[in-house]
Amino acid sequence: MTIVARMLTQEEDGIPGYAAYAAGKGPHPGILMVHHAHGVTADYKIDAYRLAGLGVDPDPKLVEKLRTR
């Protein structure tokens, strides 16, 4: 399974953060991950990537928007 992973910006995506999701057509189950006060850390990125590898999208509506770019 191919995983798309990248930082999100307020300007480009409408929300700052990090997204990792399975490439290709869904639907996939969704999960919302909220980072702690230190922001998006390496551990946070690893967890998001692992979840994407299981076919879980961080936010299905956001991911659909990202896939159309």
PDB file of N, CA and C in Angstrom:
ATOM      1  N   MET A   1       0.852  -1.176   0.000  1.00  0.00           N
ATOM      2  CA  MET A   1       0.000   0.000   0.000  1.00  0.00           C
ATOM      3  C   MET A   1       0.896   1.237   0.000  1.00  0.00           C
ATOM      4  N   THR A   2       0.586   2.180  -0.863  1.00  0.00           N
ATOM      5  CA  THR A   2       1.332   3.431  -0.934  1.00  0.00           C
ATOM      6  C   THR A   2       0.751   4.425   0.050  1.00  0.00           C
ATOM      7  N   ILE A   3       1.621   5.070   0.813  1.00  0.00           N
ATOM      8  CA  ILE A   3       1.209   6.050   1.812  1.00  0.00           C
ATOM      9  C   ILE A   3       1.660   7.435   1.369  1.00  0.00           C
ATOM     10  N   VAL A   4       0.754   8.408   1.422  1.00  0.00           N
ATOM     11  CA  VAL A   4       1.072   9.813   1.177  1.00  0.00           C
ATOM     12  C   VAL A   4       1.229  10.456   2.552  1.00  0.00           C
ATOM     13  N   ALA A   5       2.335  11.148   2.792  1.00  0.00           N
ATOM     14  CA  ALA A   5       2.574  11.787   4.083  1.00  0.00           C
ATOM     15  C   ALA A   5       3.212  13.148   3.849  1.00  0.00           C
ATOM     16  N   ARG A   6       2.629  14.179   4.484  1.00  0.00           N
ATOM     17  CA  ARG A   6       3.202  15.521   4.322  1.00  0.00           C
ATOM     18  C   ARG A   6       2.667  16.463   5.396  1.00  0.00           C
ATOM     19  N   MET A   7       3.403  17.547   5.594  1.00  0.00           N
ATOM     20  CA  MET A   7       2.963  18.604   6.499  1.00  0.00           C
ATOM     21  C   MET A   7       1.840  19.383   5.818  1.00  0.00           C
ATOM     22  N   LEU A   8       0.877  19.841   6.609  1.00  0.00           N
ATOM     23  CA  LEU A   8      -0.211  20.678   6.116  1.00  0.00           C
ATOM     24  C   LEU A   8       0.048  22.108   6.570  1.00  0.00           C
ATOM     25  N   THR A   9      -0.334  23.073   5.741  1.00  0.00           N
ATOM     26  CA  THR A   9      -0.166  24.481   6.103  1.00  0.00           C
ATOM     27  C   THR A   9      -1.522  25.191   6.076  1.00  0.00           C
ATOM     28  N   GLN A  10      -1.614  26.229   6.863  1.00  0.00           N
ATOM     29  CA  GLN A  10      -2.837  27.034   6.902  1.00  0.00           C
ATOM     30  C   GLN A  10      -3.129  27.614   5.523  1.00  0.00           C
ATOM     31  N   GLU A  11      -2.098  28.109   4.854  1.00  0.00           N
ATOM     32  CA  GLU A  11      -2.264  28.770   3.565  1.00  0.00           C
ATOM     33  C   GLU A  11      -2.711  27.801   2.468  1.00  0.00           C
ATOM     34  N   GLU A  12      -2.083  26.645   2.406  1.00  0.00           N
ATOM     35  CA  GLU A  12      -2.368  25.705   1.320  1.00  0.00           C
ATOM     36  C   GLU A  12      -3.551  24.778   1.616  1.00  0.00           C
ATOM     37  N   ASP A  13      -3.685  24.364   2.870  1.00  0.00           N
ATOM     38  CA  ASP A  13      -4.666  23.333   3.208  1.00  0.00           C
ATOM     39  C   ASP A  13      -5.808  23.816   4.097  1.00  0.00           C
ATOM     40  N   GLY A  14      -5.673  25.020   4.637  1.00  0.00           N
ATOM     41  CA  GLY A  14      -6.714  25.544   5.505  1.00  0.00           C
ATOM     42  C   GLY A  14      -6.588  25.112   6.949  1.00  0.00           C
ATOM     43  N   ILE A  15      -5.578  24.290   7.237  1.00  0.00           N
ATOM     44  CA  ILE A  15      -5.337  23.834   8.611  1.00  0.00           C
ATOM     45  C   ILE A  15      -3.868  23.415   8.722  1.00  0.00           C
ATOM     46  N   PRO A  16      -3.186  23.846   9.773  1.00  0.00           N
ATOM     47  CA  PRO A  16      -1.806  23.401   9.948  1.00  0.00           C
ATOM     48  C   PRO A  16      -1.782  22.025  10.604  1.00  0.00           C
ATOM     49  N   GLY A  17      -0.792  21.230  10.266  1.00  0.00           N
ATOM     50  CA  GLY A  17      -0.667  19.911  10.883  1.00  0.00           C
ATOM     51  C   GLY A  17       0.107  18.960  10.005  1.00  0.00           C
ATOM     52  N   TYR A  18      -0.232  17.693  10.088  1.00  0.00           N
ATOM     53  CA  TYR A  18       0.460  16.637   9.363  1.00  0.00           C
ATOM     54  C   TYR A  18      -0.583  15.626   8.911  1.00  0.00           C
ATOM     55  N   ALA A  19      -0.483  15.152   7.697  1.00  0.00           N
ATOM     56  CA  ALA A  19      -1.412  14.151   7.184  1.00  0.00           C
ATOM     57  C   ALA A  19      -0.645  12.966   6.624  1.00  0.00           C
ATOM     58  N   ALA A  20      -1.109  11.779   6.943  1.00  0.00           N
ATOM     59  CA  ALA A  20      -0.614  10.542   6.347  1.00  0.00           C
ATOM     60  C   ALA A  20      -1.849   9.724   6.016  1.00  0.00           C
ATOM     61  N   TYR A  21      -1.943   9.300   4.756  1.00  0.00           N
ATOM     62  CA  TYR A  21      -3.133   8.551   4.351  1.00  0.00           C
ATOM     63  C   TYR A  21      -2.795   7.609   3.197  1.00  0.00           C
ATOM     64  N   ALA A  22      -3.624   6.591   3.059  1.00  0.00           N
ATOM     65  CA  ALA A  22      -3.439   5.616   1.989  1.00  0.00           C
ATOM     66  C   ALA A  22      -3.786   6.260   0.654  1.00  0.00           C
ATOM     67  N   ALA A  23      -2.908   6.106  -0.320  1.00  0.00           N
ATOM     68  CA  ALA A  23      -3.170   6.635  -1.655  1.00  0.00           C
ATOM     69  C   ALA A  23      -4.263   5.797  -2.307  1.00  0.00           C
ATOM     70  N   GLY A  24      -4.967   6.388  -3.229  1.00  0.00           N
ATOM     71  CA  GLY A  24      -5.991   5.657  -3.943  1.00  0.00           C
ATOM     72  C   GLY A  24      -7.380   5.895  -3.397  1.00  0.00           C
ATOM     73  N   LYS A  25      -8.322   5.237  -4.022  1.00  0.00           N
ATOM     74  CA  LYS A  25      -9.726   5.435  -3.711  1.00  0.00           C
ATOM     75  C   LYS A  25     -10.084   4.824  -2.368  1.00  0.00           C
ATOM     76  N   GLY A  26     -10.911   5.532  -1.593  1.00  0.00           N
ATOM     77  CA  GLY A  26     -11.438   5.042  -0.320  1.00  0.00           C
ATOM     78  C   GLY A  26     -12.769   4.396  -0.560  1.00  0.00           C
ATOM     79  N   PRO A  27     -13.660   4.415   0.341  1.00  0.00           N
ATOM     80  CA  PRO A  27     -13.490   5.091   1.621  1.00  0.00           C
ATOM     81  C   PRO A  27     -12.652   4.267   2.593  1.00  0.00           C
ATOM     82  N   HIS A  28     -12.040   4.963   3.516  1.00  0.00           N
ATOM     83  CA  HIS A  28     -11.257   4.361   4.582  1.00  0.00           C
ATOM     84  C   HIS A  28     -11.819   4.867   5.910  1.00  0.00           C
ATOM     85  N   PRO A  29     -11.700   4.084   6.972  1.00  0.00           N
ATOM     86  CA  PRO A  29     -12.138   4.591   8.272  1.00  0.00           C
ATOM     87  C   PRO A  29     -11.300   5.802   8.663  1.00  0.00           C
ATOM     88  N   GLY A  30     -11.877   6.720   9.425  1.00  0.00           N
ATOM     89  CA  GLY A  30     -11.175   7.952   9.785  1.00  0.00           C
ATOM     90  C   GLY A  30     -10.844   8.038  11.256  1.00  0.00           C
ATOM     91  N   ILE A  31      -9.859   8.868  11.564  1.00  0.00           N
ATOM     92  CA  ILE A  31      -9.470   9.135  12.946  1.00  0.00           C
ATOM     93  C   ILE A  31      -8.954  10.574  13.021  1.00  0.00           C
ATOM     94  N   LEU A  32      -9.255  11.250  14.099  1.00  0.00           N
ATOM     95  CA  LEU A  32      -8.745  12.596  14.323  1.00  0.00           C
ATOM     96  C   LEU A  32      -7.650  12.521  15.374  1.00  0.00           C
ATOM     97  N   MET A  33      -6.450  12.961  15.000  1.00  0.00           N
ATOM     98  CA  MET A  33      -5.326  12.976  15.933  1.00  0.00           C
ATOM     99  C   MET A  33      -5.045  14.430  16.294  1.00  0.00           C
ATOM    100  N   VAL A  34      -4.992  14.710  17.579  1.00  0.00           N
ATOM    101  CA  VAL A  34      -4.714  16.061  18.068  1.00  0.00           C
ATOM    102  C   VAL A  34      -3.359  16.028  18.766  1.00  0.00           C
ATOM    103  N   HIS A  35      -2.440  16.880  18.305  1.00  0.00           N
ATOM    104  CA  HIS A  35      -1.102  16.878  18.902  1.00  0.00           C
ATOM    105  C   HIS A  35      -1.099  17.599  20.243  1.00  0.00           C
ATOM    106  N   HIS A  36      -0.066  17.324  21.017  1.00  0.00           N
ATOM    107  CA  HIS A  36       0.087  17.963  22.326  1.00  0.00           C
ATOM    108  C   HIS A  36       0.757  19.326  22.177  1.00  0.00           C
ATOM    109  N   ALA A  37       1.053  19.962  23.269  1.00  0.00           N
ATOM    110  CA  ALA A  37       1.570  21.332  23.271  1.00  0.00           C
ATOM    111  C   ALA A  37       2.880  21.494  22.498  1.00  0.00           C
ATOM    112  N   HIS A  38       3.628  20.425  22.330  1.00  0.00           N
ATOM    113  CA  HIS A  38       4.913  20.521  21.620  1.00  0.00           C
ATOM    114  C   HIS A  38       4.747  20.487  20.107  1.00  0.00           C
ATOM    115  N   GLY A  39       3.521  20.360  19.631  1.00  0.00           N
ATOM    116  CA  GLY A  39       3.268  20.356  18.197  1.00  0.00           C
ATOM    117  C   GLY A  39       3.431  18.977  17.590  1.00  0.00           C
ATOM    118  N   VAL A  40       3.637  18.959  16.296  1.00  0.00           N
ATOM    119  CA  VAL A  40       3.775  17.701  15.558  1.00  0.00           C
ATOM    120  C   VAL A  40       5.213  17.211  15.710  1.00  0.00           C
ATOM    121  N   THR A  41       5.384  16.154  16.481  1.00  0.00           N
ATOM    122  CA  THR A  41       6.712  15.594  16.736  1.00  0.00           C
ATOM    123  C   THR A  41       6.944  14.380  15.841  1.00  0.00           C
ATOM    124  N   ALA A  42       8.160  13.865  15.861  1.00  0.00           N
ATOM    125  CA  ALA A  42       8.492  12.672  15.072  1.00  0.00           C
ATOM    126  C   ALA A  42       7.610  11.493  15.480  1.00  0.00           C
ATOM    127  N   ASP A  43       7.351  11.333  16.780  1.00  0.00           N
ATOM    128  CA  ASP A  43       6.493  10.238  17.235  1.00  0.00           C
ATOM    129  C   ASP A  43       5.085  10.368  16.682  1.00  0.00           C
ATOM    130  N   TYR A  44       4.583  11.578  16.630  1.00  0.00           N
ATOM    131  CA  TYR A  44       3.245  11.843  16.086  1.00  0.00           C
ATOM    132  C   TYR A  44       3.202  11.438  14.610  1.00  0.00           C
ATOM    133  N   LYS A  45       4.244  11.793  13.864  1.00  0.00           N
ATOM    134  CA  LYS A  45       4.303  11.451  12.446  1.00  0.00           C
ATOM    135  C   LYS A  45       4.368   9.938  12.250  1.00  0.00           C
ATOM    136  N   ILE A  46       5.144   9.258  13.073  1.00  0.00           N
ATOM    137  CA  ILE A  46       5.258   7.799  12.988  1.00  0.00           C
ATOM    138  C   ILE A  46       3.903   7.144  13.245  1.00  0.00           C
ATOM    139  N   ASP A  47       3.198   7.611  14.275  1.00  0.00           N
ATOM    140  CA  ASP A  47       1.871   7.056  14.586  1.00  0.00           C
ATOM    141  C   ASP A  47       0.902   7.281  13.428  1.00  0.00           C
ATOM    142  N   ALA A  48       0.907   8.472  12.848  1.00  0.00           N
ATOM    143  CA  ALA A  48       0.016   8.775  11.724  1.00  0.00           C
ATOM    144  C   ALA A  48       0.348   7.881  10.531  1.00  0.00           C
ATOM    145  N   TYR A  49       1.633   7.677  10.267  1.00  0.00           N
ATOM    146  CA  TYR A  49       2.064   6.843   9.144  1.00  0.00           C
ATOM    147  C   TYR A  49       1.644   5.392   9.360  1.00  0.00           C
ATOM    148  N   ARG A  50       1.796   4.897  10.584  1.00  0.00           N
ATOM    149  CA  ARG A  50       1.387   3.520  10.898  1.00  0.00           C
ATOM    150  C   ARG A  50      -0.117   3.345  10.722  1.00  0.00           C
ATOM    151  N   LEU A  51      -0.897   4.307  11.184  1.00  0.00           N
ATOM    152  CA  LEU A  51      -2.348   4.228  11.025  1.00  0.00           C
ATOM    153  C   LEU A  51      -2.733   4.249   9.544  1.00  0.00           C
ATOM    154  N   ALA A  52      -2.051   5.081   8.764  1.00  0.00           N
ATOM    155  CA  ALA A  52      -2.319   5.134   7.325  1.00  0.00           C
ATOM    156  C   ALA A  52      -2.004   3.783   6.675  1.00  0.00           C
ATOM    157  N   GLY A  53      -0.965   3.120   7.146  1.00  0.00           N
ATOM    158  CA  GLY A  53      -0.611   1.805   6.633  1.00  0.00           C
ATOM    159  C   GLY A  53      -1.676   0.759   6.911  1.00  0.00           C
ATOM    160  N   LEU A  54      -2.488   1.006   7.932  1.00  0.00           N
ATOM    161  CA  LEU A  54      -3.604   0.118   8.255  1.00  0.00           C
ATOM    162  C   LEU A  54      -4.872   0.518   7.508  1.00  0.00           C
ATOM    163  N   GLY A  55      -4.778   1.596   6.714  1.00  0.00           N
ATOM    164  CA  GLY A  55      -5.934   2.044   5.942  1.00  0.00           C
ATOM    165  C   GLY A  55      -6.814   3.036   6.662  1.00  0.00           C
ATOM    166  N   VAL A  56      -6.292   3.678   7.717  1.00  0.00           N
ATOM    167  CA  VAL A  56      -7.057   4.667   8.475  1.00  0.00           C
ATOM    168  C   VAL A  56      -6.666   6.065   8.013  1.00  0.00           C
ATOM    169  N   ASP A  57      -7.640   6.878   7.604  1.00  0.00           N
ATOM    170  CA  ASP A  57      -7.396   8.262   7.197  1.00  0.00           C
ATOM    171  C   ASP A  57      -7.548   9.181   8.404  1.00  0.00           C
ATOM    172  N   PRO A  58      -6.727  10.257   8.478  1.00  0.00           N
ATOM    173  CA  PRO A  58      -6.843  11.180   9.609  1.00  0.00           C
ATOM    174  C   PRO A  58      -8.180  11.908   9.627  1.00  0.00           C
ATOM    175  N   ASP A  59      -8.696  12.262   8.494  1.00  0.00           N
ATOM    176  CA  ASP A  59      -9.995  12.933   8.369  1.00  0.00           C
ATOM    177  C   ASP A  59     -10.455  12.701   6.933  1.00  0.00           C
ATOM    178  N   PRO A  60     -11.435  11.829   6.728  1.00  0.00           N
ATOM    179  CA  PRO A  60     -11.813  11.470   5.357  1.00  0.00           C
ATOM    180  C   PRO A  60     -12.142  12.653   4.449  1.00  0.00           C
ATOM    181  N   LYS A  61     -12.814  13.690   4.944  1.00  0.00           N
ATOM    182  CA  LYS A  61     -13.149  14.842   4.097  1.00  0.00           C
ATOM    183  C   LYS A  61     -11.905  15.623   3.716  1.00  0.00           C
ATOM    184  N   LEU A  62     -10.996  15.816   4.659  1.00  0.00           N
ATOM    185  CA  LEU A  62      -9.734  16.521   4.374  1.00  0.00           C
ATOM    186  C   LEU A  62      -8.910  15.726   3.364  1.00  0.00           C
ATOM    187  N   VAL A  63      -8.818  14.411   3.564  1.00  0.00           N
ATOM    188  CA  VAL A  63      -8.025  13.587   2.669  1.00  0.00           C
ATOM    189  C   VAL A  63      -8.590  13.617   1.259  1.00  0.00           C
ATOM    190  N   GLU A  64      -9.890  13.597   1.118  1.00  0.00           N
ATOM    191  CA  GLU A  64     -10.498  13.676  -0.211  1.00  0.00           C
ATOM    192  C   GLU A  64     -10.115  14.996  -0.882  1.00  0.00           C
ATOM    193  N   LYS A  65     -10.082  16.068  -0.113  1.00  0.00           N
ATOM    194  CA  LYS A  65      -9.669  17.373  -0.638  1.00  0.00           C
ATOM    195  C   LYS A  65      -8.187  17.313  -1.075  1.00  0.00           C
ATOM    196  N   LEU A  66      -7.323  16.688  -0.266  1.00  0.00           N
ATOM    197  CA  LEU A  66      -5.906  16.593  -0.596  1.00  0.00           C
ATOM    198  C   LEU A  66      -5.677  15.733  -1.835  1.00  0.00           C
ATOM    199  N   ARG A  67      -6.459  14.686  -2.011  1.00  0.00           N
ATOM    200  CA  ARG A  67      -6.287  13.792  -3.156  1.00  0.00           C
ATOM    201  C   ARG A  67      -6.608  14.483  -4.472  1.00  0.00           C
ATOM    202  N   THR A  68      -7.442  15.517  -4.441  1.00  0.00           N
ATOM    203  CA  THR A  68      -7.829  16.193  -5.679  1.00  0.00           C
ATOM    204  C   THR A  68      -6.819  17.233  -6.111  1.00  0.00           C
ATOM    205  N   ARG A  69      -5.760  17.447  -5.358  1.00  0.00           N
ATOM    206  CA  ARG A  69      -4.733  18.439  -5.717  1.00  0.00           C
ATOM    207  C   ARG A  69      -3.697  17.848  -6.625  1.00  0.00           C
TER     208      ARG A  69
END
